[in-house]
Amino acid sequence: MFGKMGDMMGKLKEMQQQSEEIKKRLDTVSVEGESEGGSVKVISTANRKITSIQISDDLMQASDKDQLEDLTLLAINRALDKAEKVAETEMQGVAKGMLPGM
């Protein structure tokens, strides 16, 4: 009985270490979200940290404040959605490797 508990605790510790390694790696993965037409682009890490917002010169000259805010919000949310999917995929890989029956 204790052997199985020890194995399980070892696997959980290993899974925790792998999760930490994945979090560090996700800081190096970039994803991009953009508004319709690509006038606003947002770059995020896969850990959902915004690293860049790019606004086209055409939009800056022709748009109003409300449109700019809406397009920026759309691009941010798209980038964060992509980041979340990348992070989920990485974490699922660890979970499947460690706990294949779950």
PDB file of N, CA and C in Angstrom:
ATOM      1  N   MET A   1       0.821  -1.191   0.000  1.00  0.00           N
ATOM      2  CA  MET A   1       0.000   0.000   0.000  1.00  0.00           C
ATOM      3  C   MET A   1       0.870   1.262   0.000  1.00  0.00           C
ATOM      4  N   PHE A   2       1.891   1.277   0.850  1.00  0.00           N
ATOM      5  CA  PHE A   2       2.744   2.457   0.920  1.00  0.00           C
ATOM      6  C   PHE A   2       3.568   2.619  -0.348  1.00  0.00           C
ATOM      7  N   GLY A   3       3.869   1.512  -1.002  1.00  0.00           N
ATOM      8  CA  GLY A   3       4.609   1.591  -2.256  1.00  0.00           C
ATOM      9  C   GLY A   3       3.824   2.353  -3.310  1.00  0.00           C
ATOM     10  N   LYS A   4       2.532   2.091  -3.394  1.00  0.00           N
ATOM     11  CA  LYS A   4       1.687   2.789  -4.361  1.00  0.00           C
ATOM     12  C   LYS A   4       1.551   4.267  -4.012  1.00  0.00           C
ATOM     13  N   MET A   5       1.457   4.555  -2.710  1.00  0.00           N
ATOM     14  CA  MET A   5       1.361   5.956  -2.277  1.00  0.00           C
ATOM     15  C   MET A   5       2.656   6.695  -2.613  1.00  0.00           C
ATOM     16  N   GLY A   6       3.769   6.027  -2.392  1.00  0.00           N
ATOM     17  CA  GLY A   6       5.058   6.635  -2.709  1.00  0.00           C
ATOM     18  C   GLY A   6       5.204   6.883  -4.195  1.00  0.00           C
ATOM     19  N   ASP A   7       4.751   5.910  -4.998  1.00  0.00           N
ATOM     20  CA  ASP A   7       4.785   6.091  -6.453  1.00  0.00           C
ATOM     21  C   ASP A   7       3.930   7.277  -6.868  1.00  0.00           C
ATOM     22  N   MET A   8       2.744   7.364  -6.284  1.00  0.00           N
ATOM     23  CA  MET A   8       1.824   8.451  -6.623  1.00  0.00           C
ATOM     24  C   MET A   8       2.403   9.803  -6.218  1.00  0.00           C
ATOM     25  N   MET A   9       2.994   9.861  -5.035  1.00  0.00           N
ATOM     26  CA  MET A   9       3.588  11.119  -4.571  1.00  0.00           C
ATOM     27  C   MET A   9       4.760  11.507  -5.472  1.00  0.00           C
ATOM     28  N   GLY A  10       5.539  10.514  -5.879  1.00  0.00           N
ATOM     29  CA  GLY A  10       6.651  10.788  -6.788  1.00  0.00           C
ATOM     30  C   GLY A  10       6.165  11.317  -8.119  1.00  0.00           C
ATOM     31  N   LYS A  11       5.092  10.732  -8.636  1.00  0.00           N
ATOM     32  CA  LYS A  11       4.532  11.196  -9.909  1.00  0.00           C
ATOM     33  C   LYS A  11       3.971  12.603  -9.786  1.00  0.00           C
ATOM     34  N   LEU A  12       3.310  12.874  -8.669  1.00  0.00           N
ATOM     35  CA  LEU A  12       2.766  14.219  -8.468  1.00  0.00           C
ATOM     36  C   LEU A  12       3.879  15.254  -8.385  1.00  0.00           C
ATOM     37  N   LYS A  13       4.961  14.911  -7.699  1.00  0.00           N
ATOM     38  CA  LYS A  13       6.094  15.836  -7.591  1.00  0.00           C
ATOM     39  C   LYS A  13       6.724  16.062  -8.963  1.00  0.00           C
ATOM     40  N   GLU A  14       6.874  14.987  -9.727  1.00  0.00           N
ATOM     41  CA  GLU A  14       7.432  15.098 -11.072  1.00  0.00           C
ATOM     42  C   GLU A  14       6.525  15.947 -11.966  1.00  0.00           C
ATOM     43  N   MET A  15       5.206  15.752 -11.833  1.00  0.00           N
ATOM     44  CA  MET A  15       4.257  16.530 -12.620  1.00  0.00           C
ATOM     45  C   MET A  15       4.332  18.017 -12.255  1.00  0.00           C
ATOM     46  N   GLN A  16       4.511  18.301 -10.973  1.00  0.00           N
ATOM     47  CA  GLN A  16       4.639  19.688 -10.531  1.00  0.00           C
ATOM     48  C   GLN A  16       5.895  20.331 -11.118  1.00  0.00           C
ATOM     49  N   GLN A  17       6.990  19.588 -11.137  1.00  0.00           N
ATOM     50  CA  GLN A  17       8.233  20.106 -11.708  1.00  0.00           C
ATOM     51  C   GLN A  17       8.065  20.363 -13.206  1.00  0.00           C
ATOM     52  N   GLN A  18       7.419  19.433 -13.896  1.00  0.00           N
ATOM     53  CA  GLN A  18       7.194  19.619 -15.321  1.00  0.00           C
ATOM     54  C   GLN A  18       6.273  20.812 -15.584  1.00  0.00           C
ATOM     55  N   SER A  19       5.284  21.009 -14.722  1.00  0.00           N
ATOM     56  CA  SER A  19       4.392  22.155 -14.871  1.00  0.00           C
ATOM     57  C   SER A  19       5.153  23.470 -14.747  1.00  0.00           C
ATOM     58  N   GLU A  20       6.076  23.519 -13.798  1.00  0.00           N
ATOM     59  CA  GLU A  20       6.892  24.723 -13.631  1.00  0.00           C
ATOM     60  C   GLU A  20       7.778  24.961 -14.852  1.00  0.00           C
ATOM     61  N   GLU A  21       8.328  23.881 -15.402  1.00  0.00           N
ATOM     62  CA  GLU A  21       9.152  24.010 -16.603  1.00  0.00           C
ATOM     63  C   GLU A  21       8.317  24.510 -17.778  1.00  0.00           C
ATOM     64  N   ILE A  22       7.103  24.016 -17.887  1.00  0.00           N
ATOM     65  CA  ILE A  22       6.211  24.456 -18.968  1.00  0.00           C
ATOM     66  C   ILE A  22       5.885  25.934 -18.812  1.00  0.00           C
ATOM     67  N   LYS A  23       5.599  26.372 -17.594  1.00  0.00           N
ATOM     68  CA  LYS A  23       5.300  27.793 -17.368  1.00  0.00           C
ATOM     69  C   LYS A  23       6.459  28.672 -17.816  1.00  0.00           C
ATOM     70  N   LYS A  24       7.687  28.251 -17.520  1.00  0.00           N
ATOM     71  CA  LYS A  24       8.855  29.015 -17.954  1.00  0.00           C
ATOM     72  C   LYS A  24       8.951  29.026 -19.476  1.00  0.00           C
ATOM     73  N   ARG A  25       8.694  27.859 -20.099  1.00  0.00           N
ATOM     74  CA  ARG A  25       8.760  27.771 -21.553  1.00  0.00           C
ATOM     75  C   ARG A  25       7.661  28.614 -22.205  1.00  0.00           C
ATOM     76  N   LEU A  26       6.484  28.680 -21.587  1.00  0.00           N
ATOM     77  CA  LEU A  26       5.384  29.454 -22.159  1.00  0.00           C
ATOM     78  C   LEU A  26       5.707  30.950 -22.205  1.00  0.00           C
ATOM     79  N   ASP A  27       6.617  31.389 -21.342  1.00  0.00           N
ATOM     80  CA  ASP A  27       7.055  32.790 -21.402  1.00  0.00           C
ATOM     81  C   ASP A  27       7.821  33.080 -22.685  1.00  0.00           C
ATOM     82  N   THR A  28       8.345  32.036 -23.331  1.00  0.00           N
ATOM     83  CA  THR A  28       9.118  32.232 -24.554  1.00  0.00           C
ATOM     84  C   THR A  28       8.290  32.014 -25.822  1.00  0.00           C
ATOM     85  N   VAL A  29       7.034  31.580 -25.663  1.00  0.00           N
ATOM     86  CA  VAL A  29       6.148  31.338 -26.812  1.00  0.00           C
ATOM     87  C   VAL A  29       5.290  32.578 -27.029  1.00  0.00           C
ATOM     88  N   SER A  30       5.283  33.090 -28.257  1.00  0.00           N
ATOM     89  CA  SER A  30       4.473  34.267 -28.585  1.00  0.00           C
ATOM     90  C   SER A  30       3.301  33.873 -29.470  1.00  0.00           C
ATOM     91  N   VAL A  31       2.161  34.490 -29.201  1.00  0.00           N
ATOM     92  CA  VAL A  31       0.983  34.329 -30.043  1.00  0.00           C
ATOM     93  C   VAL A  31       0.504  35.724 -30.438  1.00  0.00           C
ATOM     94  N   GLU A  32      -0.216  35.773 -31.551  1.00  0.00           N
ATOM     95  CA  GLU A  32      -0.680  37.062 -32.064  1.00  0.00           C
ATOM     96  C   GLU A  32      -2.190  37.026 -32.255  1.00  0.00           C
ATOM     97  N   GLY A  33      -2.829  38.100 -31.867  1.00  0.00           N
ATOM     98  CA  GLY A  33      -4.245  38.294 -32.141  1.00  0.00           C
ATOM     99  C   GLY A  33      -4.397  39.596 -32.887  1.00  0.00           C
ATOM    100  N   GLU A  34      -5.337  39.615 -33.824  1.00  0.00           N
ATOM    101  CA  GLU A  34      -5.528  40.866 -34.558  1.00  0.00           C
ATOM    102  C   GLU A  34      -7.003  41.116 -34.792  1.00  0.00           C
ATOM    103  N   SER A  35      -7.311  42.382 -34.979  1.00  0.00           N
ATOM    104  CA  SER A  35      -8.680  42.778 -35.274  1.00  0.00           C
ATOM    105  C   SER A  35      -8.989  42.465 -36.733  1.00  0.00           C
ATOM    106  N   GLU A  36     -10.235  42.613 -37.099  1.00  0.00           N
ATOM    107  CA  GLU A  36     -10.628  42.423 -38.489  1.00  0.00           C
ATOM    108  C   GLU A  36      -9.799  43.365 -39.354  1.00  0.00           C
ATOM    109  N   GLY A  37      -9.252  42.835 -40.425  1.00  0.00           N
ATOM    110  CA  GLY A  37      -8.446  43.650 -41.313  1.00  0.00           C
ATOM    111  C   GLY A  37      -7.016  43.860 -40.851  1.00  0.00           C
ATOM    112  N   GLY A  38      -6.693  43.403 -39.640  1.00  0.00           N
ATOM    113  CA  GLY A  38      -5.323  43.500 -39.155  1.00  0.00           C
ATOM    114  C   GLY A  38      -4.861  44.891 -38.780  1.00  0.00           C
ATOM    115  N   SER A  39      -5.794  45.803 -38.553  1.00  0.00           N
ATOM    116  CA  SER A  39      -5.381  47.172 -38.227  1.00  0.00           C
ATOM    117  C   SER A  39      -4.826  47.306 -36.813  1.00  0.00           C
ATOM    118  N   VAL A  40      -5.189  46.369 -35.931  1.00  0.00           N
ATOM    119  CA  VAL A  40      -4.622  46.326 -34.583  1.00  0.00           C
ATOM    120  C   VAL A  40      -4.124  44.906 -34.351  1.00  0.00           C
ATOM    121  N   LYS A  41      -2.853  44.790 -33.945  1.00  0.00           N
ATOM    122  CA  LYS A  41      -2.256  43.491 -33.651  1.00  0.00           C
ATOM    123  C   LYS A  41      -1.723  43.513 -32.227  1.00  0.00           C
ATOM    124  N   VAL A  42      -1.947  42.401 -31.537  1.00  0.00           N
ATOM    125  CA  VAL A  42      -1.479  42.271 -30.162  1.00  0.00           C
ATOM    126  C   VAL A  42      -0.643  40.999 -30.067  1.00  0.00           C
ATOM    127  N   ILE A  43       0.531  41.119 -29.450  1.00  0.00           N
ATOM    128  CA  ILE A  43       1.407  39.981 -29.215  1.00  0.00           C
ATOM    129  C   ILE A  43       1.377  39.685 -27.714  1.00  0.00           C
ATOM    130  N   SER A  44       1.238  38.398 -27.399  1.00  0.00           N
ATOM    131  CA  SER A  44       1.193  37.950 -26.013  1.00  0.00           C
ATOM    132  C   SER A  44       2.084  36.731 -25.864  1.00  0.00           C
ATOM    133  N   THR A  45       2.587  36.515 -24.644  1.00  0.00           N
ATOM    134  CA  THR A  45       3.228  35.232 -24.374  1.00  0.00           C
ATOM    135  C   THR A  45       2.130  34.207 -24.160  1.00  0.00           C
ATOM    136  N   ALA A  46       2.486  32.940 -24.202  1.00  0.00           N
ATOM    137  CA  ALA A  46       1.504  31.893 -23.936  1.00  0.00           C
ATOM    138  C   ALA A  46       1.099  31.877 -22.461  1.00  0.00           C
ATOM    139  N   ASN A  47       1.804  32.636 -21.632  1.00  0.00           N
ATOM    140  CA  ASN A  47       1.408  32.816 -20.232  1.00  0.00           C
ATOM    141  C   ASN A  47       0.485  34.026 -20.060  1.00  0.00           C
ATOM    142  N   ARG A  48      -0.028  34.515 -21.157  1.00  0.00           N
ATOM    143  CA  ARG A  48      -1.036  35.582 -21.188  1.00  0.00           C
ATOM    144  C   ARG A  48      -0.516  36.921 -20.659  1.00  0.00           C
ATOM    145  N   LYS A  49       0.697  37.264 -21.070  1.00  0.00           N
ATOM    146  CA  LYS A  49       1.270  38.585 -20.785  1.00  0.00           C
ATOM    147  C   LYS A  49       1.394  39.329 -22.109  1.00  0.00           C
ATOM    148  N   ILE A  50       0.739  40.477 -22.219  1.00  0.00           N
ATOM    149  CA  ILE A  50       0.796  41.281 -23.434  1.00  0.00           C
ATOM    150  C   ILE A  50       2.193  41.877 -23.552  1.00  0.00           C
ATOM    151  N   THR A  51       2.832  41.671 -24.714  1.00  0.00           N
ATOM    152  CA  THR A  51       4.181  42.195 -24.911  1.00  0.00           C
ATOM    153  C   THR A  51       4.231  43.296 -25.964  1.00  0.00           C
ATOM    154  N   SER A  52       3.191  43.385 -26.811  1.00  0.00           N
ATOM    155  CA  SER A  52       3.226  44.379 -27.870  1.00  0.00           C
ATOM    156  C   SER A  52       1.821  44.662 -28.379  1.00  0.00           C
ATOM    157  N   ILE A  53       1.568  45.918 -28.689  1.00  0.00           N
ATOM    158  CA  ILE A  53       0.339  46.333 -29.374  1.00  0.00           C
ATOM    159  C   ILE A  53       0.775  47.196 -30.548  1.00  0.00           C
ATOM    160  N   GLN A  54       0.335  46.794 -31.755  1.00  0.00           N
ATOM    161  CA  GLN A  54       0.687  47.537 -32.962  1.00  0.00           C
ATOM    162  C   GLN A  54      -0.598  48.061 -33.601  1.00  0.00           C
ATOM    163  N   ILE A  55      -0.614  49.340 -33.905  1.00  0.00           N
ATOM    164  CA  ILE A  55      -1.771  49.981 -34.531  1.00  0.00           C
ATOM    165  C   ILE A  55      -1.314  50.561 -35.859  1.00  0.00           C
ATOM    166  N   SER A  56      -2.034  50.209 -36.920  1.00  0.00           N
ATOM    167  CA  SER A  56      -1.631  50.679 -38.245  1.00  0.00           C
ATOM    168  C   SER A  56      -1.747  52.193 -38.340  1.00  0.00           C
ATOM    169  N   ASP A  57      -0.866  52.784 -39.138  1.00  0.00           N
ATOM    170  CA  ASP A  57      -0.892  54.234 -39.336  1.00  0.00           C
ATOM    171  C   ASP A  57      -2.219  54.683 -39.941  1.00  0.00           C
ATOM    172  N   ASP A  58      -2.774  53.875 -40.841  1.00  0.00           N
ATOM    173  CA  ASP A  58      -4.058  54.228 -41.468  1.00  0.00           C
ATOM    174  C   ASP A  58      -5.159  54.353 -40.427  1.00  0.00           C
ATOM    175  N   LEU A  59      -5.174  53.452 -39.484  1.00  0.00           N
ATOM    176  CA  LEU A  59      -6.202  53.495 -38.443  1.00  0.00           C
ATOM    177  C   LEU A  59      -6.021  54.720 -37.559  1.00  0.00           C
ATOM    178  N   MET A  60      -4.792  55.048 -37.251  1.00  0.00           N
ATOM    179  CA  MET A  60      -4.529  56.209 -36.395  1.00  0.00           C
ATOM    180  C   MET A  60      -4.997  57.501 -37.051  1.00  0.00           C
ATOM    181  N   GLN A  61      -4.891  57.575 -38.360  1.00  0.00           N
ATOM    182  CA  GLN A  61      -5.291  58.788 -39.060  1.00  0.00           C
ATOM    183  C   GLN A  61      -6.798  58.868 -39.270  1.00  0.00           C
ATOM    184  N   ALA A  62      -7.448  57.708 -39.441  1.00  0.00           N
ATOM    185  CA  ALA A  62      -8.839  57.728 -39.869  1.00  0.00           C
ATOM    186  C   ALA A  62      -9.847  57.368 -38.786  1.00  0.00           C
ATOM    187  N   SER A  63      -9.411  56.873 -37.651  1.00  0.00           N
ATOM    188  CA  SER A  63     -10.395  56.328 -36.717  1.00  0.00           C
ATOM    189  C   SER A  63     -10.739  57.278 -35.594  1.00  0.00           C
ATOM    190  N   ASP A  64     -11.834  56.927 -34.956  1.00  0.00           N
ATOM    191  CA  ASP A  64     -12.202  57.657 -33.751  1.00  0.00           C
ATOM    192  C   ASP A  64     -11.800  56.822 -32.535  1.00  0.00           C
ATOM    193  N   LYS A  65     -11.880  57.420 -31.385  1.00  0.00           N
ATOM    194  CA  LYS A  65     -11.436  56.782 -30.152  1.00  0.00           C
ATOM    195  C   LYS A  65     -12.202  55.491 -29.880  1.00  0.00           C
ATOM    196  N   ASP A  66     -13.518  55.493 -30.054  1.00  0.00           N
ATOM    197  CA  ASP A  66     -14.321  54.299 -29.771  1.00  0.00           C
ATOM    198  C   ASP A  66     -13.938  53.132 -30.673  1.00  0.00           C
ATOM    199  N   GLN A  67     -13.712  53.397 -31.946  1.00  0.00           N
ATOM    200  CA  GLN A  67     -13.331  52.340 -32.872  1.00  0.00           C
ATOM    201  C   GLN A  67     -11.973  51.770 -32.485  1.00  0.00           C
ATOM    202  N   LEU A  68     -11.045  52.627 -32.159  1.00  0.00           N
ATOM    203  CA  LEU A  68      -9.706  52.182 -31.763  1.00  0.00           C
ATOM    204  C   LEU A  68      -9.777  51.306 -30.511  1.00  0.00           C
ATOM    205  N   GLU A  69     -10.557  51.720 -29.533  1.00  0.00           N
ATOM    206  CA  GLU A  69     -10.711  50.936 -28.309  1.00  0.00           C
ATOM    207  C   GLU A  69     -11.332  49.571 -28.599  1.00  0.00           C
ATOM    208  N   ASP A  70     -12.369  49.543 -29.429  1.00  0.00           N
ATOM    209  CA  ASP A  70     -13.034  48.281 -29.767  1.00  0.00           C
ATOM    210  C   ASP A  70     -12.085  47.323 -30.491  1.00  0.00           C
ATOM    211  N   LEU A  71     -11.350  47.826 -31.464  1.00  0.00           N
ATOM    212  CA  LEU A  71     -10.434  46.984 -32.225  1.00  0.00           C
ATOM    213  C   LEU A  71      -9.287  46.473 -31.349  1.00  0.00           C
ATOM    214  N   THR A  72      -8.805  47.324 -30.454  1.00  0.00           N
ATOM    215  CA  THR A  72      -7.735  46.919 -29.548  1.00  0.00           C
ATOM    216  C   THR A  72      -8.226  45.830 -28.601  1.00  0.00           C
ATOM    217  N   LEU A  73      -9.403  46.000 -28.053  1.00  0.00           N
ATOM    218  CA  LEU A  73      -9.978  45.001 -27.163  1.00  0.00           C
ATOM    219  C   LEU A  73     -10.159  43.665 -27.886  1.00  0.00           C
ATOM    220  N   LEU A  74     -10.642  43.704 -29.107  1.00  0.00           N
ATOM    221  CA  LEU A  74     -10.829  42.494 -29.902  1.00  0.00           C
ATOM    222  C   LEU A  74      -9.497  41.776 -30.126  1.00  0.00           C
ATOM    223  N   ALA A  75      -8.475  42.520 -30.506  1.00  0.00           N
ATOM    224  CA  ALA A  75      -7.165  41.924 -30.759  1.00  0.00           C
ATOM    225  C   ALA A  75      -6.561  41.337 -29.483  1.00  0.00           C
ATOM    226  N   ILE A  76      -6.707  42.021 -28.374  1.00  0.00           N
ATOM    227  CA  ILE A  76      -6.193  41.511 -27.098  1.00  0.00           C
ATOM    228  C   ILE A  76      -6.878  40.201 -26.732  1.00  0.00           C
ATOM    229  N   ASN A  77      -8.192  40.176 -26.835  1.00  0.00           N
ATOM    230  CA  ASN A  77      -8.912  38.962 -26.474  1.00  0.00           C
ATOM    231  C   ASN A  77      -8.554  37.797 -27.385  1.00  0.00           C
ATOM    232  N   ARG A  78      -8.333  38.043 -28.640  1.00  0.00           N
ATOM    233  CA  ARG A  78      -7.936  36.971 -29.558  1.00  0.00           C
ATOM    234  C   ARG A  78      -6.543  36.440 -29.211  1.00  0.00           C
ATOM    235  N   ALA A  79      -5.636  37.333 -28.880  1.00  0.00           N
ATOM    236  CA  ALA A  79      -4.291  36.891 -28.495  1.00  0.00           C
ATOM    237  C   ALA A  79      -4.345  36.077 -27.203  1.00  0.00           C
ATOM    238  N   LEU A  80      -5.120  36.520 -26.230  1.00  0.00           N
ATOM    239  CA  LEU A  80      -5.208  35.804 -24.963  1.00  0.00           C
ATOM    240  C   LEU A  80      -5.895  34.449 -25.131  1.00  0.00           C
ATOM    241  N   ASP A  81      -6.882  34.362 -26.015  1.00  0.00           N
ATOM    242  CA  ASP A  81      -7.510  33.070 -26.307  1.00  0.00           C
ATOM    243  C   ASP A  81      -6.498  32.087 -26.885  1.00  0.00           C
ATOM    244  N   LYS A  82      -5.681  32.562 -27.813  1.00  0.00           N
ATOM    245  CA  LYS A  82      -4.652  31.696 -28.397  1.00  0.00           C
ATOM    246  C   LYS A  82      -3.641  31.271 -27.331  1.00  0.00           C
ATOM    247  N   ALA A  83      -3.261  32.200 -26.472  1.00  0.00           N
ATOM    248  CA  ALA A  83      -2.301  31.891 -25.412  1.00  0.00           C
ATOM    249  C   ALA A  83      -2.860  30.817 -24.484  1.00  0.00           C
ATOM    250  N   GLU A  84      -4.130  30.932 -24.156  1.00  0.00           N
ATOM    251  CA  GLU A  84      -4.759  29.951 -23.272  1.00  0.00           C
ATOM    252  C   GLU A  84      -4.771  28.569 -23.910  1.00  0.00           C
ATOM    253  N   LYS A  85      -5.053  28.503 -25.194  1.00  0.00           N
ATOM    254  CA  LYS A  85      -5.070  27.207 -25.887  1.00  0.00           C
ATOM    255  C   LYS A  85      -3.689  26.563 -25.899  1.00  0.00           C
ATOM    256  N   VAL A  86      -2.656  27.365 -26.120  1.00  0.00           N
ATOM    257  CA  VAL A  86      -1.293  26.828 -26.107  1.00  0.00           C
ATOM    258  C   VAL A  86      -0.958  26.290 -24.714  1.00  0.00           C
ATOM    259  N   ALA A  87      -1.285  27.053 -23.683  1.00  0.00           N
ATOM    260  CA  ALA A  87      -0.994  26.636 -22.312  1.00  0.00           C
ATOM    261  C   ALA A  87      -1.760  25.364 -21.950  1.00  0.00           C
ATOM    262  N   GLU A  88      -3.028  25.280 -22.327  1.00  0.00           N
ATOM    263  CA  GLU A  88      -3.822  24.091 -22.036  1.00  0.00           C
ATOM    264  C   GLU A  88      -3.234  22.858 -22.717  1.00  0.00           C
ATOM    265  N   THR A  89      -2.830  23.010 -23.957  1.00  0.00           N
ATOM    266  CA  THR A  89      -2.250  21.885 -24.695  1.00  0.00           C
ATOM    267  C   THR A  89      -0.982  21.389 -24.013  1.00  0.00           C
ATOM    268  N   GLU A  90      -0.134  22.310 -23.587  1.00  0.00           N
ATOM    269  CA  GLU A  90       1.104  21.928 -22.905  1.00  0.00           C
ATOM    270  C   GLU A  90       0.814  21.197 -21.595  1.00  0.00           C
ATOM    271  N   MET A  91      -0.106  21.710 -20.815  1.00  0.00           N
ATOM    272  CA  MET A  91      -0.424  21.104 -19.521  1.00  0.00           C
ATOM    273  C   MET A  91      -1.102  19.742 -19.696  1.00  0.00           C
ATOM    274  N   GLN A  92      -1.930  19.597 -20.702  1.00  0.00           N
ATOM    275  CA  GLN A  92      -2.577  18.310 -20.950  1.00  0.00           C
ATOM    276  C   GLN A  92      -1.543  17.252 -21.295  1.00  0.00           C
ATOM    277  N   GLY A  93      -0.519  17.655 -22.021  1.00  0.00           N
ATOM    278  CA  GLY A  93       0.541  16.724 -22.358  1.00  0.00           C
ATOM    279  C   GLY A  93       1.230  16.183 -21.115  1.00  0.00           C
ATOM    280  N   VAL A  94       1.467  17.043 -20.143  1.00  0.00           N
ATOM    281  CA  VAL A  94       2.088  16.612 -18.883  1.00  0.00           C
ATOM    282  C   VAL A  94       1.147  15.681 -18.141  1.00  0.00           C
ATOM    283  N   ALA A  95      -0.105  16.058 -18.039  1.00  0.00           N
ATOM    284  CA  ALA A  95      -1.077  15.251 -17.288  1.00  0.00           C
ATOM    285  C   ALA A  95      -1.231  13.861 -17.913  1.00  0.00           C
ATOM    286  N   LYS A  96      -1.297  13.780 -19.220  1.00  0.00           N
ATOM    287  CA  LYS A  96      -1.448  12.488 -19.874  1.00  0.00           C
ATOM    288  C   LYS A  96      -0.224  11.613 -19.650  1.00  0.00           C
ATOM    289  N   GLY A  97       0.940  12.220 -19.683  1.00  0.00           N
ATOM    290  CA  GLY A  97       2.170  11.451 -19.479  1.00  0.00           C
ATOM    291  C   GLY A  97       2.313  10.930 -18.069  1.00  0.00           C
ATOM    292  N   MET A  98       1.823  11.689 -17.106  1.00  0.00           N
ATOM    293  CA  MET A  98       1.992  11.322 -15.717  1.00  0.00           C
ATOM    294  C   MET A  98       0.852  10.454 -15.188  1.00  0.00           C
ATOM    295  N   LEU A  99      -0.356  10.765 -15.626  1.00  0.00           N
ATOM    296  CA  LEU A  99      -1.529  10.069 -15.100  1.00  0.00           C
ATOM    297  C   LEU A  99      -2.365   9.553 -16.278  1.00  0.00           C
ATOM    298  N   PRO A 100      -1.871   8.556 -16.990  1.00  0.00           N
ATOM    299  CA  PRO A 100      -2.522   8.110 -18.215  1.00  0.00           C
ATOM    300  C   PRO A 100      -3.926   7.557 -18.007  1.00  0.00           C
ATOM    301  N   GLY A 101      -4.249   7.094 -16.829  1.00  0.00           N
ATOM    302  CA  GLY A 101      -5.576   6.519 -16.600  1.00  0.00           C
ATOM    303  C   GLY A 101      -6.630   7.535 -16.221  1.00  0.00           C
ATOM    304  N   MET A 102      -6.240   8.784 -16.064  1.00  0.00           N
ATOM    305  CA  MET A 102      -7.210   9.791 -15.602  1.00  0.00           C
ATOM    306  C   MET A 102      -7.766  10.584 -16.749  1.00  0.00           C
TER     307      MET A 102
END
